[in-house]
Structure formats: C-alpha cells, structure tokens
C-alpha cells in the first residue's frame, strides 16, 4: 500500500468523524483545489527564450546596476 492510499484512507476516516454540517465546507475546499489544479494544468509556461535579444550589457552597465542595487540595500538598513 503506497503513501497515497494511506493518506486517502486517513482522509476518508477523518471525514467520517466530522459532523454532517462540516461536510459542505470540505466540499467547497475540494472544489477550490480541483479548480486550482485545472488552472495550472492549462496554463502554459511563459517563453523566455530570446527575451533579452538585442540587448548588449557592458561591464560598466552591470557594475552600475550592482551599485544601484546595493546602494538601496544600505539605505533601507536601520
């Protein structure tokens, strides 16, 4: 018996112990989980290949960006 079967049995056992008025909330939660899983399954990953085509970064560009980034960190440190 795998971990999924054990977990499923534990969930069913826990459901049997709930009062009937709580089952509607469980159903709503399960419905929201199914919706989220469907949403993720149909959502294609964004294509990032070639995102920076045409941009040429010099050593100075990178150094300046680092200075700006770390300068902001120093400003926000109490």
C-alpha atoms as a PDB file:
ATOM      1  CA  UNK A   1       0.000   0.000   0.000  1.00  0.00           C
ATOM      2  CA  UNK A   2       1.509   3.319  -1.063  1.00  0.00           C
ATOM      3  CA  UNK A   3       1.588   6.595   0.782  1.00  0.00           C
ATOM      4  CA  UNK A   4      -1.236   7.971  -1.380  1.00  0.00           C
ATOM      5  CA  UNK A   5      -3.554   5.111  -0.463  1.00  0.00           C
ATOM      6  CA  UNK A   6      -2.763   5.555   3.227  1.00  0.00           C
ATOM      7  CA  UNK A   7      -3.367   9.298   3.023  1.00  0.00           C
ATOM      8  CA  UNK A   8      -6.646   8.755   1.180  1.00  0.00           C
ATOM      9  CA  UNK A   9      -7.798   6.293   3.824  1.00  0.00           C
ATOM     10  CA  UNK A  10      -6.852   8.750   6.571  1.00  0.00           C
ATOM     11  CA  UNK A  11      -8.843  11.499   4.853  1.00  0.00           C
ATOM     12  CA  UNK A  12     -11.879   9.237   4.492  1.00  0.00           C
ATOM     13  CA  UNK A  13     -11.603   8.269   8.168  1.00  0.00           C
ATOM     14  CA  UNK A  14     -11.376  11.946   9.176  1.00  0.00           C
ATOM     15  CA  UNK A  15     -14.433  12.737   7.021  1.00  0.00           C
ATOM     16  CA  UNK A  16     -16.398  10.010   8.789  1.00  0.00           C
ATOM     17  CA  UNK A  17     -15.648  11.700  12.119  1.00  0.00           C
ATOM     18  CA  UNK A  18     -16.812  15.165  11.024  1.00  0.00           C
ATOM     19  CA  UNK A  19     -20.288  16.404  11.862  1.00  0.00           C
ATOM     20  CA  UNK A  20     -22.589  16.471   8.814  1.00  0.00           C
ATOM     21  CA  UNK A  21     -22.772  20.281   8.796  1.00  0.00           C
ATOM     22  CA  UNK A  22     -18.996  20.467   8.174  1.00  0.00           C
ATOM     23  CA  UNK A  23     -19.111  18.400   5.000  1.00  0.00           C
ATOM     24  CA  UNK A  24     -20.233  21.367   2.899  1.00  0.00           C
ATOM     25  CA  UNK A  25     -17.071  23.270   3.846  1.00  0.00           C
ATOM     26  CA  UNK A  26     -14.949  20.240   2.930  1.00  0.00           C
ATOM     27  CA  UNK A  27     -16.724  20.040  -0.416  1.00  0.00           C
ATOM     28  CA  UNK A  28     -16.041  23.724  -1.107  1.00  0.00           C
ATOM     29  CA  UNK A  29     -12.367  23.258  -0.263  1.00  0.00           C
ATOM     30  CA  UNK A  30     -12.068  20.225  -2.544  1.00  0.00           C
ATOM     31  CA  UNK A  31     -13.797  22.141  -5.319  1.00  0.00           C
ATOM     32  CA  UNK A  32     -11.313  25.004  -4.980  1.00  0.00           C
ATOM     33  CA  UNK A  33      -8.381  22.553  -5.090  1.00  0.00           C
ATOM     34  CA  UNK A  34      -9.734  20.957  -8.261  1.00  0.00           C
ATOM     35  CA  UNK A  35     -10.160  24.394  -9.838  1.00  0.00           C
ATOM     36  CA  UNK A  36      -6.587  25.423  -8.973  1.00  0.00           C
ATOM     37  CA  UNK A  37      -5.195  22.178 -10.377  1.00  0.00           C
ATOM     38  CA  UNK A  38      -7.153  22.594 -13.621  1.00  0.00           C
ATOM     39  CA  UNK A  39      -5.972  26.184 -13.915  1.00  0.00           C
ATOM     40  CA  UNK A  40      -2.312  25.173 -13.580  1.00  0.00           C
ATOM     41  CA  UNK A  41      -2.653  22.267 -15.987  1.00  0.00           C
ATOM     42  CA  UNK A  42      -3.938  24.518 -18.791  1.00  0.00           C
ATOM     43  CA  UNK A  43      -1.636  27.447 -18.169  1.00  0.00           C
ATOM     44  CA  UNK A  44       1.379  27.296 -20.488  1.00  0.00           C
ATOM     45  CA  UNK A  45       4.726  28.340 -19.111  1.00  0.00           C
ATOM     46  CA  UNK A  46       5.873  31.700 -20.452  1.00  0.00           C
ATOM     47  CA  UNK A  47       8.513  31.531 -23.151  1.00  0.00           C
ATOM     48  CA  UNK A  48      11.579  33.427 -22.003  1.00  0.00           C
ATOM     49  CA  UNK A  49      13.953  32.403 -24.755  1.00  0.00           C
ATOM     50  CA  UNK A  50      15.192  35.441 -26.623  1.00  0.00           C
ATOM     51  CA  UNK A  51      13.778  37.836 -24.051  1.00  0.00           C
ATOM     52  CA  UNK A  52      16.994  39.841 -23.998  1.00  0.00           C
ATOM     53  CA  UNK A  53      17.834  39.554 -27.696  1.00  0.00           C
ATOM     54  CA  UNK A  54      19.218  42.819 -28.947  1.00  0.00           C
ATOM     55  CA  UNK A  55      20.400  43.974 -25.529  1.00  0.00           C
ATOM     56  CA  UNK A  56      24.119  44.294 -25.038  1.00  0.00           C
ATOM     57  CA  UNK A  57      25.291  44.794 -21.478  1.00  0.00           C
ATOM     58  CA  UNK A  58      28.757  46.176 -20.893  1.00  0.00           C
ATOM     59  CA  UNK A  59      30.828  45.523 -17.794  1.00  0.00           C
ATOM     60  CA  UNK A  60      30.084  49.116 -16.747  1.00  0.00           C
ATOM     61  CA  UNK A  61      26.296  48.578 -17.148  1.00  0.00           C
ATOM     62  CA  UNK A  62      26.474  45.576 -14.835  1.00  0.00           C
ATOM     63  CA  UNK A  63      28.705  47.378 -12.323  1.00  0.00           C
ATOM     64  CA  UNK A  64      26.341  50.364 -12.248  1.00  0.00           C
ATOM     65  CA  UNK A  65      23.305  48.120 -11.707  1.00  0.00           C
ATOM     66  CA  UNK A  66      25.091  46.417  -8.815  1.00  0.00           C
ATOM     67  CA  UNK A  67      25.985  49.757  -7.234  1.00  0.00           C
ATOM     68  CA  UNK A  68      22.372  50.927  -7.519  1.00  0.00           C
ATOM     69  CA  UNK A  69      21.035  47.684  -6.090  1.00  0.00           C
ATOM     70  CA  UNK A  70      23.435  47.542  -3.149  1.00  0.00           C
ATOM     71  CA  UNK A  71      23.056  51.266  -2.533  1.00  0.00           C
ATOM     72  CA  UNK A  72      19.337  50.757  -1.965  1.00  0.00           C
ATOM     73  CA  UNK A  73      20.037  47.937   0.472  1.00  0.00           C
ATOM     74  CA  UNK A  74      22.272  50.225   2.529  1.00  0.00           C
ATOM     75  CA  UNK A  75      19.567  52.910   2.583  1.00  0.00           C
ATOM     76  CA  UNK A  76      16.928  50.528   3.901  1.00  0.00           C
ATOM     77  CA  UNK A  77      19.143  49.027   6.606  1.00  0.00           C
ATOM     78  CA  UNK A  78      18.395  50.584  10.022  1.00  0.00           C
END
